[in-house]
Amino acid sequence: MRPQKALHPLVMRRKTRKRSKRKKRSLKKRKKPTKMKKMQTKKTNRTTKMQTKKKKKTKRTTEMKKSKKMKK
């Protein structure tokens, strides 16, 4: 079994490996375009769904129509 990492005395939590600034920058550059693409597709999907959504007929309206026909 691997020994557990000691808690950092000042912060009282486990110390994590620090990433270099250059690596962080490269990660940021690589991740940005995909994130933007995802956002755009989500937006378009939502708008198209809203346009194609059909109104649901409620029971109440159908009953009212039937009763009107019966009265005639």
PDB file of N, CA and C in Angstrom:
ATOM      1  N   MET A   1       0.820  -1.209   0.000  1.00  0.00           N
ATOM      2  CA  MET A   1       0.000   0.000   0.000  1.00  0.00           C
ATOM      3  C   MET A   1       0.856   1.262   0.000  1.00  0.00           C
ATOM      4  N   ARG A   2       0.399   2.276  -0.697  1.00  0.00           N
ATOM      5  CA  ARG A   2       1.127   3.539  -0.775  1.00  0.00           C
ATOM      6  C   ARG A   2       0.867   4.363   0.494  1.00  0.00           C
ATOM      7  N   PRO A   3       1.935   4.951   1.077  1.00  0.00           N
ATOM      8  CA  PRO A   3       1.709   5.773   2.278  1.00  0.00           C
ATOM      9  C   PRO A   3       0.918   7.041   1.944  1.00  0.00           C
ATOM     10  N   GLN A   4       0.071   7.466   2.884  1.00  0.00           N
ATOM     11  CA  GLN A   4      -0.766   8.642   2.648  1.00  0.00           C
ATOM     12  C   GLN A   4       0.073   9.910   2.704  1.00  0.00           C
ATOM     13  N   LYS A   5      -0.239  10.868   1.830  1.00  0.00           N
ATOM     14  CA  LYS A   5       0.486  12.138   1.808  1.00  0.00           C
ATOM     15  C   LYS A   5       0.161  12.929   3.062  1.00  0.00           C
ATOM     16  N   ALA A   6       1.188  13.531   3.650  1.00  0.00           N
ATOM     17  CA  ALA A   6       0.976  14.309   4.871  1.00  0.00           C
ATOM     18  C   ALA A   6       0.276  15.623   4.554  1.00  0.00           C
ATOM     19  N   LEU A   7      -0.444  16.140   5.542  1.00  0.00           N
ATOM     20  CA  LEU A   7      -1.113  17.422   5.366  1.00  0.00           C
ATOM     21  C   LEU A   7      -0.089  18.536   5.446  1.00  0.00           C
ATOM     22  N   HIS A   8      -0.281  19.570   4.651  1.00  0.00           N
ATOM     23  CA  HIS A   8       0.614  20.718   4.682  1.00  0.00           C
ATOM     24  C   HIS A   8       0.374  21.458   5.994  1.00  0.00           C
ATOM     25  N   PRO A   9       1.412  21.710   6.770  1.00  0.00           N
ATOM     26  CA  PRO A   9       1.217  22.275   8.116  1.00  0.00           C
ATOM     27  C   PRO A   9       0.515  23.636   8.154  1.00  0.00           C
ATOM     28  N   LEU A  10       0.804  24.516   7.172  1.00  0.00           N
ATOM     29  CA  LEU A  10       0.215  25.853   7.222  1.00  0.00           C
ATOM     30  C   LEU A  10      -1.228  25.872   6.703  1.00  0.00           C
ATOM     31  N   VAL A  11      -1.466  25.131   5.651  1.00  0.00           N
ATOM     32  CA  VAL A  11      -2.785  25.188   5.026  1.00  0.00           C
ATOM     33  C   VAL A  11      -3.721  24.092   5.544  1.00  0.00           C
ATOM     34  N   MET A  12      -3.172  23.099   6.176  1.00  0.00           N
ATOM     35  CA  MET A  12      -3.922  21.964   6.707  1.00  0.00           C
ATOM     36  C   MET A  12      -4.708  21.212   5.622  1.00  0.00           C
ATOM     37  N   ARG A  13      -4.115  21.052   4.489  1.00  0.00           N
ATOM     38  CA  ARG A  13      -4.709  20.199   3.457  1.00  0.00           C
ATOM     39  C   ARG A  13      -3.590  19.563   2.645  1.00  0.00           C
ATOM     40  N   ARG A  14      -3.941  18.536   1.886  1.00  0.00           N
ATOM     41  CA  ARG A  14      -2.919  17.827   1.125  1.00  0.00           C
ATOM     42  C   ARG A  14      -2.321  18.712   0.039  1.00  0.00           C
ATOM     43  N   LYS A  15      -1.001  18.640  -0.052  1.00  0.00           N
ATOM     44  CA  LYS A  15      -0.299  19.470  -1.029  1.00  0.00           C
ATOM     45  C   LYS A  15      -0.412  18.831  -2.408  1.00  0.00           C
ATOM     46  N   THR A  16      -0.779  19.621  -3.407  1.00  0.00           N
ATOM     47  CA  THR A  16      -0.888  19.087  -4.765  1.00  0.00           C
ATOM     48  C   THR A  16       0.302  19.547  -5.596  1.00  0.00           C
ATOM     49  N   ARG A  17       0.545  18.803  -6.688  1.00  0.00           N
ATOM     50  CA  ARG A  17       1.672  19.145  -7.541  1.00  0.00           C
ATOM     51  C   ARG A  17       1.383  20.451  -8.264  1.00  0.00           C
ATOM     52  N   LYS A  18       2.386  21.327  -8.291  1.00  0.00           N
ATOM     53  CA  LYS A  18       2.193  22.627  -8.925  1.00  0.00           C
ATOM     54  C   LYS A  18       2.499  22.543 -10.416  1.00  0.00           C
ATOM     55  N   ARG A  19       1.629  23.083 -11.252  1.00  0.00           N
ATOM     56  CA  ARG A  19       1.852  23.101 -12.700  1.00  0.00           C
ATOM     57  C   ARG A  19       2.626  24.341 -13.087  1.00  0.00           C
ATOM     58  N   SER A  20       3.488  24.184 -14.083  1.00  0.00           N
ATOM     59  CA  SER A  20       4.252  25.340 -14.529  1.00  0.00           C
ATOM     60  C   SER A  20       3.345  26.289 -15.306  1.00  0.00           C
ATOM     61  N   LYS A  21       3.722  27.564 -15.336  1.00  0.00           N
ATOM     62  CA  LYS A  21       2.902  28.573 -16.011  1.00  0.00           C
ATOM     63  C   LYS A  21       2.770  28.258 -17.500  1.00  0.00           C
ATOM     64  N   ARG A  22       3.860  27.785 -18.102  1.00  0.00           N
ATOM     65  CA  ARG A  22       3.841  27.500 -19.539  1.00  0.00           C
ATOM     66  C   ARG A  22       2.820  26.398 -19.844  1.00  0.00           C
ATOM     67  N   LYS A  23       2.806  25.378 -19.010  1.00  0.00           N
ATOM     68  CA  LYS A  23       1.881  24.262 -19.222  1.00  0.00           C
ATOM     69  C   LYS A  23       0.438  24.746 -19.076  1.00  0.00           C
ATOM     70  N   LYS A  24       0.200  25.588 -18.074  1.00  0.00           N
ATOM     71  CA  LYS A  24      -1.137  26.145 -17.845  1.00  0.00           C
ATOM     72  C   LYS A  24      -1.600  26.908 -19.077  1.00  0.00           C
ATOM     73  N   ARG A  25      -0.705  27.723 -19.619  1.00  0.00           N
ATOM     74  CA  ARG A  25      -1.037  28.552 -20.771  1.00  0.00           C
ATOM     75  C   ARG A  25      -1.414  27.679 -21.969  1.00  0.00           C
ATOM     76  N   SER A  26      -0.616  26.621 -22.193  1.00  0.00           N
ATOM     77  CA  SER A  26      -0.876  25.744 -23.337  1.00  0.00           C
ATOM     78  C   SER A  26      -2.214  25.029 -23.167  1.00  0.00           C
ATOM     79  N   LEU A  27      -2.536  24.663 -21.933  1.00  0.00           N
ATOM     80  CA  LEU A  27      -3.807  23.993 -21.673  1.00  0.00           C
ATOM     81  C   LEU A  27      -4.965  24.932 -21.965  1.00  0.00           C
ATOM     82  N   LYS A  28      -4.818  26.167 -21.519  1.00  0.00           N
ATOM     83  CA  LYS A  28      -5.869  27.164 -21.738  1.00  0.00           C
ATOM     84  C   LYS A  28      -6.116  27.340 -23.229  1.00  0.00           C
ATOM     85  N   LYS A  29      -5.021  27.443 -23.990  1.00  0.00           N
ATOM     86  CA  LYS A  29      -5.133  27.662 -25.434  1.00  0.00           C
ATOM     87  C   LYS A  29      -5.845  26.493 -26.102  1.00  0.00           C
ATOM     88  N   ARG A  30      -5.563  25.281 -25.632  1.00  0.00           N
ATOM     89  CA  ARG A  30      -6.125  24.104 -26.273  1.00  0.00           C
ATOM     90  C   ARG A  30      -7.610  23.930 -25.928  1.00  0.00           C
ATOM     91  N   LYS A  31      -7.978  24.316 -24.715  1.00  0.00           N
ATOM     92  CA  LYS A  31      -9.342  24.064 -24.264  1.00  0.00           C
ATOM     93  C   LYS A  31     -10.348  25.087 -24.765  1.00  0.00           C
ATOM     94  N   LYS A  32      -9.916  26.295 -25.044  1.00  0.00           N
ATOM     95  CA  LYS A  32     -10.861  27.371 -25.348  1.00  0.00           C
ATOM     96  C   LYS A  32     -11.772  27.114 -26.558  1.00  0.00           C
ATOM     97  N   PRO A  33     -11.242  26.781 -27.728  1.00  0.00           N
ATOM     98  CA  PRO A  33     -12.111  26.655 -28.888  1.00  0.00           C
ATOM     99  C   PRO A  33     -13.201  25.594 -28.738  1.00  0.00           C
ATOM    100  N   THR A  34     -12.879  24.463 -28.104  1.00  0.00           N
ATOM    101  CA  THR A  34     -13.880  23.412 -27.952  1.00  0.00           C
ATOM    102  C   THR A  34     -15.012  23.897 -27.058  1.00  0.00           C
ATOM    103  N   LYS A  35     -14.662  24.643 -26.029  1.00  0.00           N
ATOM    104  CA  LYS A  35     -15.675  25.149 -25.105  1.00  0.00           C
ATOM    105  C   LYS A  35     -16.633  26.075 -25.852  1.00  0.00           C
ATOM    106  N   MET A  36     -16.068  26.934 -26.696  1.00  0.00           N
ATOM    107  CA  MET A  36     -16.883  27.884 -27.430  1.00  0.00           C
ATOM    108  C   MET A  36     -17.848  27.143 -28.366  1.00  0.00           C
ATOM    109  N   LYS A  37     -17.335  26.115 -29.027  1.00  0.00           N
ATOM    110  CA  LYS A  37     -18.159  25.342 -29.959  1.00  0.00           C
ATOM    111  C   LYS A  37     -19.347  24.725 -29.230  1.00  0.00           C
ATOM    112  N   LYS A  38     -19.084  24.140 -28.070  1.00  0.00           N
ATOM    113  CA  LYS A  38     -20.134  23.494 -27.293  1.00  0.00           C
ATOM    114  C   LYS A  38     -21.223  24.490 -26.938  1.00  0.00           C
ATOM    115  N   MET A  39     -20.804  25.674 -26.532  1.00  0.00           N
ATOM    116  CA  MET A  39     -21.764  26.698 -26.127  1.00  0.00           C
ATOM    117  C   MET A  39     -22.696  27.034 -27.295  1.00  0.00           C
ATOM    118  N   GLN A  40     -22.124  27.196 -28.477  1.00  0.00           N
ATOM    119  CA  GLN A  40     -22.913  27.583 -29.640  1.00  0.00           C
ATOM    120  C   GLN A  40     -23.950  26.519 -29.986  1.00  0.00           C
ATOM    121  N   THR A  41     -23.534  25.259 -29.980  1.00  0.00           N
ATOM    122  CA  THR A  41     -24.470  24.200 -30.355  1.00  0.00           C
ATOM    123  C   THR A  41     -25.609  24.131 -29.350  1.00  0.00           C
ATOM    124  N   LYS A  42     -25.281  24.298 -28.091  1.00  0.00           N
ATOM    125  CA  LYS A  42     -26.324  24.247 -27.069  1.00  0.00           C
ATOM    126  C   LYS A  42     -27.375  25.308 -27.345  1.00  0.00           C
ATOM    127  N   LYS A  43     -26.914  26.507 -27.643  1.00  0.00           N
ATOM    128  CA  LYS A  43     -27.823  27.629 -27.853  1.00  0.00           C
ATOM    129  C   LYS A  43     -28.749  27.357 -29.040  1.00  0.00           C
ATOM    130  N   THR A  44     -28.182  26.888 -30.144  1.00  0.00           N
ATOM    131  CA  THR A  44     -28.991  26.674 -31.342  1.00  0.00           C
ATOM    132  C   THR A  44     -30.000  25.562 -31.103  1.00  0.00           C
ATOM    133  N   ASN A  45     -29.584  24.519 -30.419  1.00  0.00           N
ATOM    134  CA  ASN A  45     -30.505  23.421 -30.153  1.00  0.00           C
ATOM    135  C   ASN A  45     -31.714  23.910 -29.372  1.00  0.00           C
ATOM    136  N   ARG A  46     -31.446  24.727 -28.377  1.00  0.00           N
ATOM    137  CA  ARG A  46     -32.526  25.205 -27.524  1.00  0.00           C
ATOM    138  C   ARG A  46     -33.519  26.034 -28.342  1.00  0.00           C
ATOM    139  N   THR A  47     -33.009  26.911 -29.203  1.00  0.00           N
ATOM    140  CA  THR A  47     -33.898  27.790 -29.966  1.00  0.00           C
ATOM    141  C   THR A  47     -34.725  26.999 -30.970  1.00  0.00           C
ATOM    142  N   THR A  48     -34.117  26.008 -31.613  1.00  0.00           N
ATOM    143  CA  THR A  48     -34.880  25.229 -32.593  1.00  0.00           C
ATOM    144  C   THR A  48     -35.967  24.425 -31.892  1.00  0.00           C
ATOM    145  N   LYS A  49     -35.650  23.916 -30.722  1.00  0.00           N
ATOM    146  CA  LYS A  49     -36.639  23.149 -29.965  1.00  0.00           C
ATOM    147  C   LYS A  49     -37.839  24.020 -29.632  1.00  0.00           C
ATOM    148  N   MET A  50     -37.552  25.245 -29.240  1.00  0.00           N
ATOM    149  CA  MET A  50     -38.619  26.152 -28.854  1.00  0.00           C
ATOM    150  C   MET A  50     -39.536  26.441 -30.046  1.00  0.00           C
ATOM    151  N   GLN A  51     -38.953  26.564 -31.221  1.00  0.00           N
ATOM    152  CA  GLN A  51     -39.743  26.868 -32.409  1.00  0.00           C
ATOM    153  C   GLN A  51     -40.622  25.686 -32.819  1.00  0.00           C
ATOM    154  N   THR A  52     -40.111  24.485 -32.672  1.00  0.00           N
ATOM    155  CA  THR A  52     -40.845  23.313 -33.147  1.00  0.00           C
ATOM    156  C   THR A  52     -41.795  22.734 -32.097  1.00  0.00           C
ATOM    157  N   LYS A  53     -41.734  23.249 -30.890  1.00  0.00           N
ATOM    158  CA  LYS A  53     -42.585  22.726 -29.821  1.00  0.00           C
ATOM    159  C   LYS A  53     -44.063  22.922 -30.163  1.00  0.00           C
ATOM    160  N   LYS A  54     -44.845  21.847 -30.030  1.00  0.00           N
ATOM    161  CA  LYS A  54     -46.276  21.949 -30.304  1.00  0.00           C
ATOM    162  C   LYS A  54     -47.020  22.208 -29.002  1.00  0.00           C
ATOM    163  N   LYS A  55     -48.107  22.921 -29.109  1.00  0.00           N
ATOM    164  CA  LYS A  55     -48.912  23.190 -27.922  1.00  0.00           C
ATOM    165  C   LYS A  55     -49.686  21.931 -27.563  1.00  0.00           C
ATOM    166  N   LYS A  56     -49.672  21.612 -26.282  1.00  0.00           N
ATOM    167  CA  LYS A  56     -50.405  20.450 -25.815  1.00  0.00           C
ATOM    168  C   LYS A  56     -51.839  20.851 -25.531  1.00  0.00           C
ATOM    169  N   LYS A  57     -52.774  20.057 -26.006  1.00  0.00           N
ATOM    170  CA  LYS A  57     -54.176  20.349 -25.719  1.00  0.00           C
ATOM    171  C   LYS A  57     -54.487  19.861 -24.316  1.00  0.00           C
ATOM    172  N   THR A  58     -55.081  20.716 -23.550  1.00  0.00           N
ATOM    173  CA  THR A  58     -55.443  20.303 -22.196  1.00  0.00           C
ATOM    174  C   THR A  58     -56.820  19.669 -22.222  1.00  0.00           C
ATOM    175  N   LYS A  59     -57.100  18.877 -21.232  1.00  0.00           N
ATOM    176  CA  LYS A  59     -58.389  18.196 -21.154  1.00  0.00           C
ATOM    177  C   LYS A  59     -59.524  19.202 -21.081  1.00  0.00           C
ATOM    178  N   ARG A  60     -59.293  20.250 -20.350  1.00  0.00           N
ATOM    179  CA  ARG A  60     -60.339  21.236 -20.105  1.00  0.00           C
ATOM    180  C   ARG A  60     -60.853  21.852 -21.413  1.00  0.00           C
ATOM    181  N   THR A  61     -59.925  22.236 -22.288  1.00  0.00           N
ATOM    182  CA  THR A  61     -60.331  22.877 -23.543  1.00  0.00           C
ATOM    183  C   THR A  61     -61.108  21.914 -24.429  1.00  0.00           C
ATOM    184  N   THR A  62     -60.682  20.664 -24.475  1.00  0.00           N
ATOM    185  CA  THR A  62     -61.387  19.688 -25.314  1.00  0.00           C
ATOM    186  C   THR A  62     -62.788  19.432 -24.767  1.00  0.00           C
ATOM    187  N   GLU A  63     -62.908  19.380 -23.450  1.00  0.00           N
ATOM    188  CA  GLU A  63     -64.222  19.169 -22.825  1.00  0.00           C
ATOM    189  C   GLU A  63     -65.158  20.329 -23.127  1.00  0.00           C
ATOM    190  N   MET A  64     -64.613  21.538 -23.064  1.00  0.00           N
ATOM    191  CA  MET A  64     -65.426  22.725 -23.324  1.00  0.00           C
ATOM    192  C   MET A  64     -65.940  22.715 -24.766  1.00  0.00           C
ATOM    193  N   LYS A  65     -65.090  22.347 -25.694  1.00  0.00           N
ATOM    194  CA  LYS A  65     -65.476  22.286 -27.102  1.00  0.00           C
ATOM    195  C   LYS A  65     -66.593  21.263 -27.312  1.00  0.00           C
ATOM    196  N   LYS A  66     -66.452  20.120 -26.664  1.00  0.00           N
ATOM    197  CA  LYS A  66     -67.459  19.059 -26.773  1.00  0.00           C
ATOM    198  C   LYS A  66     -68.805  19.543 -26.253  1.00  0.00           C
ATOM    199  N   SER A  67     -68.779  20.206 -25.111  1.00  0.00           N
ATOM    200  CA  SER A  67     -70.021  20.679 -24.496  1.00  0.00           C
ATOM    201  C   SER A  67     -70.705  21.724 -25.390  1.00  0.00           C
ATOM    202  N   LYS A  68     -69.899  22.551 -26.045  1.00  0.00           N
ATOM    203  CA  LYS A  68     -70.447  23.562 -26.959  1.00  0.00           C
ATOM    204  C   LYS A  68     -71.169  22.885 -28.123  1.00  0.00           C
ATOM    205  N   LYS A  69     -70.555  21.831 -28.658  1.00  0.00           N
ATOM    206  CA  LYS A  69     -71.146  21.084 -29.768  1.00  0.00           C
ATOM    207  C   LYS A  69     -72.468  20.444 -29.341  1.00  0.00           C
ATOM    208  N   MET A  70     -72.497  19.936 -28.138  1.00  0.00           N
ATOM    209  CA  MET A  70     -73.686  19.266 -27.615  1.00  0.00           C
ATOM    210  C   MET A  70     -74.848  20.246 -27.469  1.00  0.00           C
ATOM    211  N   LYS A  71     -74.533  21.472 -27.044  1.00  0.00           N
ATOM    212  CA  LYS A  71     -75.559  22.498 -26.844  1.00  0.00           C
ATOM    213  C   LYS A  71     -76.254  22.855 -28.153  1.00  0.00           C
ATOM    214  N   LYS A  72     -75.467  22.859 -29.238  1.00  0.00           N
ATOM    215  CA  LYS A  72     -76.033  23.203 -30.558  1.00  0.00           C
ATOM    216  C   LYS A  72     -77.004  22.128 -30.964  1.00  0.00           C
TER     217      LYS A  72
END
